Amino acid sequence: TMFKSQRPGMTDALFEMHYRGLVR
């Protein structure tokens, strides 16, 4: 499970990009 970081700059688009990386 990946949670969206609460740090500044973590947008939904960036979160989804990181999640795709995790899936790979």
PDB file of all heavy atoms in Angstrom:
ATOM      1  N   THR A   1       0.839  -1.202   0.000  1.00  0.00           N
ATOM      2  CA  THR A   1       0.000   0.000   0.000  1.00  0.00           C
ATOM      3  C   THR A   1       0.873   1.251   0.000  1.00  0.00           C
ATOM      4  O   THR A   1       1.814   1.370   0.794  1.00  0.00           O
ATOM      5  CB  THR A   1      -0.932   0.019   1.218  1.00  0.00           C
ATOM      6  OG1 THR A   1      -1.787  -1.122   1.170  1.00  0.00           O
ATOM      7  CG2 THR A   1      -1.790   1.280   1.230  1.00  0.00           C
ATOM      8  N   MET A   2       0.533   2.164  -0.887  1.00  0.00           N
ATOM      9  CA  MET A   2       1.244   3.450  -0.973  1.00  0.00           C
ATOM     10  C   MET A   2       0.277   4.560  -0.590  1.00  0.00           C
ATOM     11  O   MET A   2      -0.814   4.660  -1.152  1.00  0.00           O
ATOM     12  CB  MET A   2       1.779   3.672  -2.387  1.00  0.00           C
ATOM     13  CG  MET A   2       2.412   5.047  -2.599  1.00  0.00           C
ATOM     14  SD  MET A   2       3.007   5.292  -4.306  1.00  0.00           S
ATOM     15  CE  MET A   2       4.507   4.309  -4.260  1.00  0.00           C
ATOM     16  N   PHE A   3       0.665   5.377   0.365  1.00  0.00           N
ATOM     17  CA  PHE A   3      -0.122   6.537   0.768  1.00  0.00           C
ATOM     18  C   PHE A   3       0.437   7.786   0.101  1.00  0.00           C
ATOM     19  O   PHE A   3       1.651   7.932  -0.045  1.00  0.00           O
ATOM     20  CB  PHE A   3      -0.085   6.717   2.285  1.00  0.00           C
ATOM     21  CG  PHE A   3      -0.815   5.649   3.049  1.00  0.00           C
ATOM     22  CD1 PHE A   3      -0.142   4.549   3.543  1.00  0.00           C
ATOM     23  CD2 PHE A   3      -2.186   5.737   3.262  1.00  0.00           C
ATOM     24  CE1 PHE A   3      -0.801   3.549   4.235  1.00  0.00           C
ATOM     25  CE2 PHE A   3      -2.865   4.749   3.953  1.00  0.00           C
ATOM     26  CZ  PHE A   3      -2.171   3.657   4.442  1.00  0.00           C
ATOM     27  N   LYS A   4      -0.470   8.690  -0.290  1.00  0.00           N
ATOM     28  CA  LYS A   4      -0.020   9.945  -0.876  1.00  0.00           C
ATOM     29  C   LYS A   4       0.668  10.785   0.190  1.00  0.00           C
ATOM     30  O   LYS A   4       0.108  11.059   1.241  1.00  0.00           O
ATOM     31  CB  LYS A   4      -1.214  10.709  -1.453  1.00  0.00           C
ATOM     32  CG  LYS A   4      -0.824  12.034  -2.108  1.00  0.00           C
ATOM     33  CD  LYS A   4      -2.054  12.755  -2.634  1.00  0.00           C
ATOM     34  CE  LYS A   4      -1.690  14.132  -3.183  1.00  0.00           C
ATOM     35  NZ  LYS A   4      -2.881  14.882  -3.626  1.00  0.00           N
ATOM     36  N   SER A   5       1.892  11.179  -0.103  1.00  0.00           N
ATOM     37  CA  SER A   5       2.653  11.985   0.840  1.00  0.00           C
ATOM     38  C   SER A   5       1.960  13.312   1.097  1.00  0.00           C
ATOM     39  O   SER A   5       1.354  13.914   0.208  1.00  0.00           O
ATOM     40  CB  SER A   5       4.057  12.244   0.290  1.00  0.00           C
ATOM     41  OG  SER A   5       4.763  13.150   1.117  1.00  0.00           O
ATOM     42  N   GLN A   6       2.029  13.775   2.332  1.00  0.00           N
ATOM     43  CA  GLN A   6       1.443  15.060   2.704  1.00  0.00           C
ATOM     44  C   GLN A   6       2.428  16.202   2.537  1.00  0.00           C
ATOM     45  O   GLN A   6       2.136  17.345   2.876  1.00  0.00           O
ATOM     46  CB  GLN A   6       0.957  15.001   4.162  1.00  0.00           C
ATOM     47  CG  GLN A   6      -0.128  13.967   4.392  1.00  0.00           C
ATOM     48  CD  GLN A   6      -1.317  14.167   3.469  1.00  0.00           C
ATOM     49  OE1 GLN A   6      -2.003  15.173   3.538  1.00  0.00           O
ATOM     50  NE2 GLN A   6      -1.567  13.192   2.592  1.00  0.00           N
ATOM     51  N   ARG A   7       3.602  15.900   2.002  1.00  0.00           N
ATOM     52  CA  ARG A   7       4.594  16.953   1.817  1.00  0.00           C
ATOM     53  C   ARG A   7       4.212  17.848   0.647  1.00  0.00           C
ATOM     54  O   ARG A   7       3.566  17.408  -0.304  1.00  0.00           O
ATOM     55  CB  ARG A   7       5.974  16.326   1.570  1.00  0.00           C
ATOM     56  CG  ARG A   7       6.513  15.623   2.794  1.00  0.00           C
ATOM     57  CD  ARG A   7       7.852  14.972   2.509  1.00  0.00           C
ATOM     58  NE  ARG A   7       8.202  14.069   3.589  1.00  0.00           N
ATOM     59  CZ  ARG A   7       8.935  12.993   3.450  1.00  0.00           C
ATOM     60  NH1 ARG A   7       9.403  12.669   2.269  1.00  0.00           N
ATOM     61  NH2 ARG A   7       9.216  12.225   4.484  1.00  0.00           N
ATOM     62  N   PRO A   8       4.626  19.122   0.673  1.00  0.00           N
ATOM     63  CA  PRO A   8       4.316  20.046  -0.427  1.00  0.00           C
ATOM     64  C   PRO A   8       4.857  19.513  -1.748  1.00  0.00           C
ATOM     65  O   PRO A   8       5.938  18.922  -1.804  1.00  0.00           O
ATOM     66  CB  PRO A   8       5.030  21.344  -0.009  1.00  0.00           C
ATOM     67  CG  PRO A   8       5.177  21.239   1.482  1.00  0.00           C
ATOM     68  CD  PRO A   8       5.357  19.779   1.772  1.00  0.00           C
ATOM     69  N   GLY A   9       4.094  19.727  -2.810  1.00  0.00           N
ATOM     70  CA  GLY A   9       4.550  19.323  -4.133  1.00  0.00           C
ATOM     71  C   GLY A   9       4.080  17.956  -4.575  1.00  0.00           C
ATOM     72  O   GLY A   9       4.230  17.604  -5.750  1.00  0.00           O
ATOM     73  N   MET A  10       3.495  17.172  -3.666  1.00  0.00           N
ATOM     74  CA  MET A  10       3.006  15.848  -4.044  1.00  0.00           C
ATOM     75  C   MET A  10       1.579  15.982  -4.585  1.00  0.00           C
ATOM     76  O   MET A  10       0.611  15.995  -3.845  1.00  0.00           O
ATOM     77  CB  MET A  10       3.043  14.893  -2.857  1.00  0.00           C
ATOM     78  CG  MET A  10       2.495  13.491  -3.178  1.00  0.00           C
ATOM     79  SD  MET A  10       3.277  12.681  -4.591  1.00  0.00           S
ATOM     80  CE  MET A  10       4.921  12.369  -3.936  1.00  0.00           C
ATOM     81  N   THR A  11       1.474  16.089  -5.895  1.00  0.00           N
ATOM     82  CA  THR A  11       0.175  16.227  -6.547  1.00  0.00           C
ATOM     83  C   THR A  11      -0.399  14.845  -6.846  1.00  0.00           C
ATOM     84  O   THR A  11       0.295  13.828  -6.752  1.00  0.00           O
ATOM     85  CB  THR A  11       0.328  16.990  -7.866  1.00  0.00           C
ATOM     86  OG1 THR A  11       1.144  16.201  -8.749  1.00  0.00           O
ATOM     87  CG2 THR A  11       0.988  18.345  -7.648  1.00  0.00           C
ATOM     88  N   ASP A  12      -1.668  14.825  -7.249  1.00  0.00           N
ATOM     89  CA  ASP A  12      -2.291  13.556  -7.623  1.00  0.00           C
ATOM     90  C   ASP A  12      -1.571  12.926  -8.810  1.00  0.00           C
ATOM     91  O   ASP A  12      -1.367  11.708  -8.860  1.00  0.00           O
ATOM     92  CB  ASP A  12      -3.764  13.772  -7.967  1.00  0.00           C
ATOM     93  CG  ASP A  12      -4.620  14.003  -6.724  1.00  0.00           C
ATOM     94  OD1 ASP A  12      -4.142  13.713  -5.610  1.00  0.00           O
ATOM     95  OD2 ASP A  12      -5.761  14.476  -6.863  1.00  0.00           O
ATOM     96  N   ALA A  13      -1.180  13.745  -9.780  1.00  0.00           N
ATOM     97  CA  ALA A  13      -0.498  13.221 -10.962  1.00  0.00           C
ATOM     98  C   ALA A  13       0.839  12.596 -10.588  1.00  0.00           C
ATOM     99  O   ALA A  13       1.208  11.516 -11.075  1.00  0.00           O
ATOM    100  CB  ALA A  13      -0.295  14.334 -11.990  1.00  0.00           C
ATOM    101  N   LEU A  14       1.582  13.271  -9.711  1.00  0.00           N
ATOM    102  CA  LEU A  14       2.876  12.739  -9.279  1.00  0.00           C
ATOM    103  C   LEU A  14       2.696  11.473  -8.446  1.00  0.00           C
ATOM    104  O   LEU A  14       3.460  10.506  -8.573  1.00  0.00           O
ATOM    105  CB  LEU A  14       3.617  13.807  -8.470  1.00  0.00           C
ATOM    106  CG  LEU A  14       5.078  13.514  -8.111  1.00  0.00           C
ATOM    107  CD1 LEU A  14       5.889  13.212  -9.357  1.00  0.00           C
ATOM    108  CD2 LEU A  14       5.680  14.680  -7.347  1.00  0.00           C
ATOM    109  N   PHE A  15       1.673  11.459  -7.610  1.00  0.00           N
ATOM    110  CA  PHE A  15       1.372  10.264  -6.816  1.00  0.00           C
ATOM    111  C   PHE A  15       1.068   9.074  -7.719  1.00  0.00           C
ATOM    112  O   PHE A  15       1.569   7.961  -7.499  1.00  0.00           O
ATOM    113  CB  PHE A  15       0.196  10.541  -5.882  1.00  0.00           C
ATOM    114  CG  PHE A  15      -0.297   9.333  -5.131  1.00  0.00           C
ATOM    115  CD1 PHE A  15       0.464   8.769  -4.112  1.00  0.00           C
ATOM    116  CD2 PHE A  15      -1.520   8.756  -5.452  1.00  0.00           C
ATOM    117  CE1 PHE A  15       0.008   7.643  -3.426  1.00  0.00           C
ATOM    118  CE2 PHE A  15      -1.980   7.634  -4.771  1.00  0.00           C
ATOM    119  CZ  PHE A  15      -1.208   7.079  -3.755  1.00  0.00           C
ATOM    120  N   GLU A  16       0.259   9.295  -8.758  1.00  0.00           N
ATOM    121  CA  GLU A  16      -0.073   8.205  -9.676  1.00  0.00           C
ATOM    122  C   GLU A  16       1.165   7.734 -10.431  1.00  0.00           C
ATOM    123  O   GLU A  16       1.314   6.546 -10.712  1.00  0.00           O
ATOM    124  CB  GLU A  16      -1.153   8.662 -10.655  1.00  0.00           C
ATOM    125  CG  GLU A  16      -2.518   8.852 -10.021  1.00  0.00           C
ATOM    126  CD  GLU A  16      -3.070   7.569  -9.420  1.00  0.00           C
ATOM    127  OE1 GLU A  16      -2.844   6.492  -9.999  1.00  0.00           O
ATOM    128  OE2 GLU A  16      -3.711   7.637  -8.354  1.00  0.00           O
ATOM    129  N   MET A  17       2.070   8.653 -10.769  1.00  0.00           N
ATOM    130  CA  MET A  17       3.299   8.271 -11.441  1.00  0.00           C
ATOM    131  C   MET A  17       4.144   7.384 -10.530  1.00  0.00           C
ATOM    132  O   MET A  17       4.693   6.364 -10.956  1.00  0.00           O
ATOM    133  CB  MET A  17       4.090   9.513 -11.861  1.00  0.00           C
ATOM    134  CG  MET A  17       5.380   9.203 -12.606  1.00  0.00           C
ATOM    135  SD  MET A  17       6.199  10.688 -13.240  1.00  0.00           S
ATOM    136  CE  MET A  17       6.677  11.493 -11.707  1.00  0.00           C
ATOM    137  N   HIS A  18       4.231   7.756  -9.245  1.00  0.00           N
ATOM    138  CA  HIS A  18       4.979   6.941  -8.287  1.00  0.00           C
ATOM    139  C   HIS A  18       4.324   5.569  -8.108  1.00  0.00           C
ATOM    140  O   HIS A  18       5.007   4.551  -7.988  1.00  0.00           O
ATOM    141  CB  HIS A  18       5.053   7.666  -6.937  1.00  0.00           C
ATOM    142  CG  HIS A  18       5.998   8.821  -6.936  1.00  0.00           C
ATOM    143  ND1 HIS A  18       6.169   9.649  -5.851  1.00  0.00           N
ATOM    144  CD2 HIS A  18       6.820   9.305  -7.892  1.00  0.00           C
ATOM    145  CE1 HIS A  18       7.051  10.580  -6.140  1.00  0.00           C
ATOM    146  NE2 HIS A  18       7.454  10.398  -7.362  1.00  0.00           N
ATOM    147  N   TYR A  19       2.992   5.558  -8.108  1.00  0.00           N
ATOM    148  CA  TYR A  19       2.297   4.281  -7.935  1.00  0.00           C
ATOM    149  C   TYR A  19       2.547   3.364  -9.131  1.00  0.00           C
ATOM    150  O   TYR A  19       2.753   2.156  -8.968  1.00  0.00           O
ATOM    151  CB  TYR A  19       0.799   4.510  -7.738  1.00  0.00           C
ATOM    152  CG  TYR A  19       0.028   3.222  -7.592  1.00  0.00           C
ATOM    153  CD1 TYR A  19       0.247   2.377  -6.500  1.00  0.00           C
ATOM    154  CD2 TYR A  19      -0.899   2.820  -8.555  1.00  0.00           C
ATOM    155  CE1 TYR A  19      -0.444   1.182  -6.373  1.00  0.00           C
ATOM    156  CE2 TYR A  19      -1.593   1.628  -8.432  1.00  0.00           C
ATOM    157  CZ  TYR A  19      -1.354   0.812  -7.331  1.00  0.00           C
ATOM    158  OH  TYR A  19      -2.028  -0.374  -7.219  1.00  0.00           O
ATOM    159  N   ARG A  20       2.545   3.913 -10.330  1.00  0.00           N
ATOM    160  CA  ARG A  20       2.850   3.093 -11.502  1.00  0.00           C
ATOM    161  C   ARG A  20       4.249   2.497 -11.397  1.00  0.00           C
ATOM    162  O   ARG A  20       4.493   1.355 -11.790  1.00  0.00           O
ATOM    163  CB  ARG A  20       2.720   3.919 -12.787  1.00  0.00           C
ATOM    164  CG  ARG A  20       1.285   4.113 -13.238  1.00  0.00           C
ATOM    165  CD  ARG A  20       1.220   4.794 -14.589  1.00  0.00           C
ATOM    166  NE  ARG A  20      -0.156   4.896 -15.045  1.00  0.00           N
ATOM    167  CZ  ARG A  20      -0.800   3.968 -15.724  1.00  0.00           C
ATOM    168  NH1 ARG A  20      -0.174   2.835 -16.023  1.00  0.00           N
ATOM    169  NH2 ARG A  20      -2.051   4.142 -16.102  1.00  0.00           N
ATOM    170  N   GLY A  21       5.181   3.286 -10.846  1.00  0.00           N
ATOM    171  CA  GLY A  21       6.529   2.766 -10.634  1.00  0.00           C
ATOM    172  C   GLY A  21       6.530   1.616  -9.645  1.00  0.00           C
ATOM    173  O   GLY A  21       7.224   0.602  -9.839  1.00  0.00           O
ATOM    174  N   LEU A  22       5.739   1.766  -8.574  1.00  0.00           N
ATOM    175  CA  LEU A  22       5.629   0.689  -7.592  1.00  0.00           C
ATOM    176  C   LEU A  22       5.053  -0.568  -8.233  1.00  0.00           C
ATOM    177  O   LEU A  22       5.533  -1.679  -7.990  1.00  0.00           O
ATOM    178  CB  LEU A  22       4.739   1.130  -6.425  1.00  0.00           C
ATOM    179  CG  LEU A  22       4.355   0.038  -5.416  1.00  0.00           C
ATOM    180  CD1 LEU A  22       5.582  -0.486  -4.683  1.00  0.00           C
ATOM    181  CD2 LEU A  22       3.314   0.559  -4.431  1.00  0.00           C
ATOM    182  N   VAL A  23       4.032  -0.407  -9.065  1.00  0.00           N
ATOM    183  CA  VAL A  23       3.416  -1.570  -9.720  1.00  0.00           C
ATOM    184  C   VAL A  23       4.440  -2.306 -10.579  1.00  0.00           C
ATOM    185  O   VAL A  23       4.494  -3.542 -10.581  1.00  0.00           O
ATOM    186  CB  VAL A  23       2.201  -1.130 -10.560  1.00  0.00           C
ATOM    187  CG1 VAL A  23       1.691  -2.284 -11.424  1.00  0.00           C
ATOM    188  CG2 VAL A  23       1.094  -0.629  -9.650  1.00  0.00           C
ATOM    189  N   ARG A  24       5.274  -1.558 -11.304  1.00  0.00           N
ATOM    190  CA  ARG A  24       6.309  -2.203 -12.123  1.00  0.00           C
ATOM    191  C   ARG A  24       7.286  -2.984 -11.255  1.00  0.00           C
ATOM    192  O   ARG A  24       7.678  -4.113 -11.578  1.00  0.00           O
ATOM    193  CB  ARG A  24       7.064  -1.157 -12.942  1.00  0.00           C
ATOM    194  CG  ARG A  24       6.272  -0.582 -14.099  1.00  0.00           C
ATOM    195  CD  ARG A  24       7.187   0.177 -15.046  1.00  0.00           C
ATOM    196  NE  ARG A  24       7.846   1.288 -14.395  1.00  0.00           N
ATOM    197  CZ  ARG A  24       7.331   2.513 -14.306  1.00  0.00           C
ATOM    198  NH1 ARG A  24       6.139   2.756 -14.820  1.00  0.00           N
ATOM    199  NH2 ARG A  24       7.990   3.485 -13.710  1.00  0.00           N
TER     200      ARG A  24
END
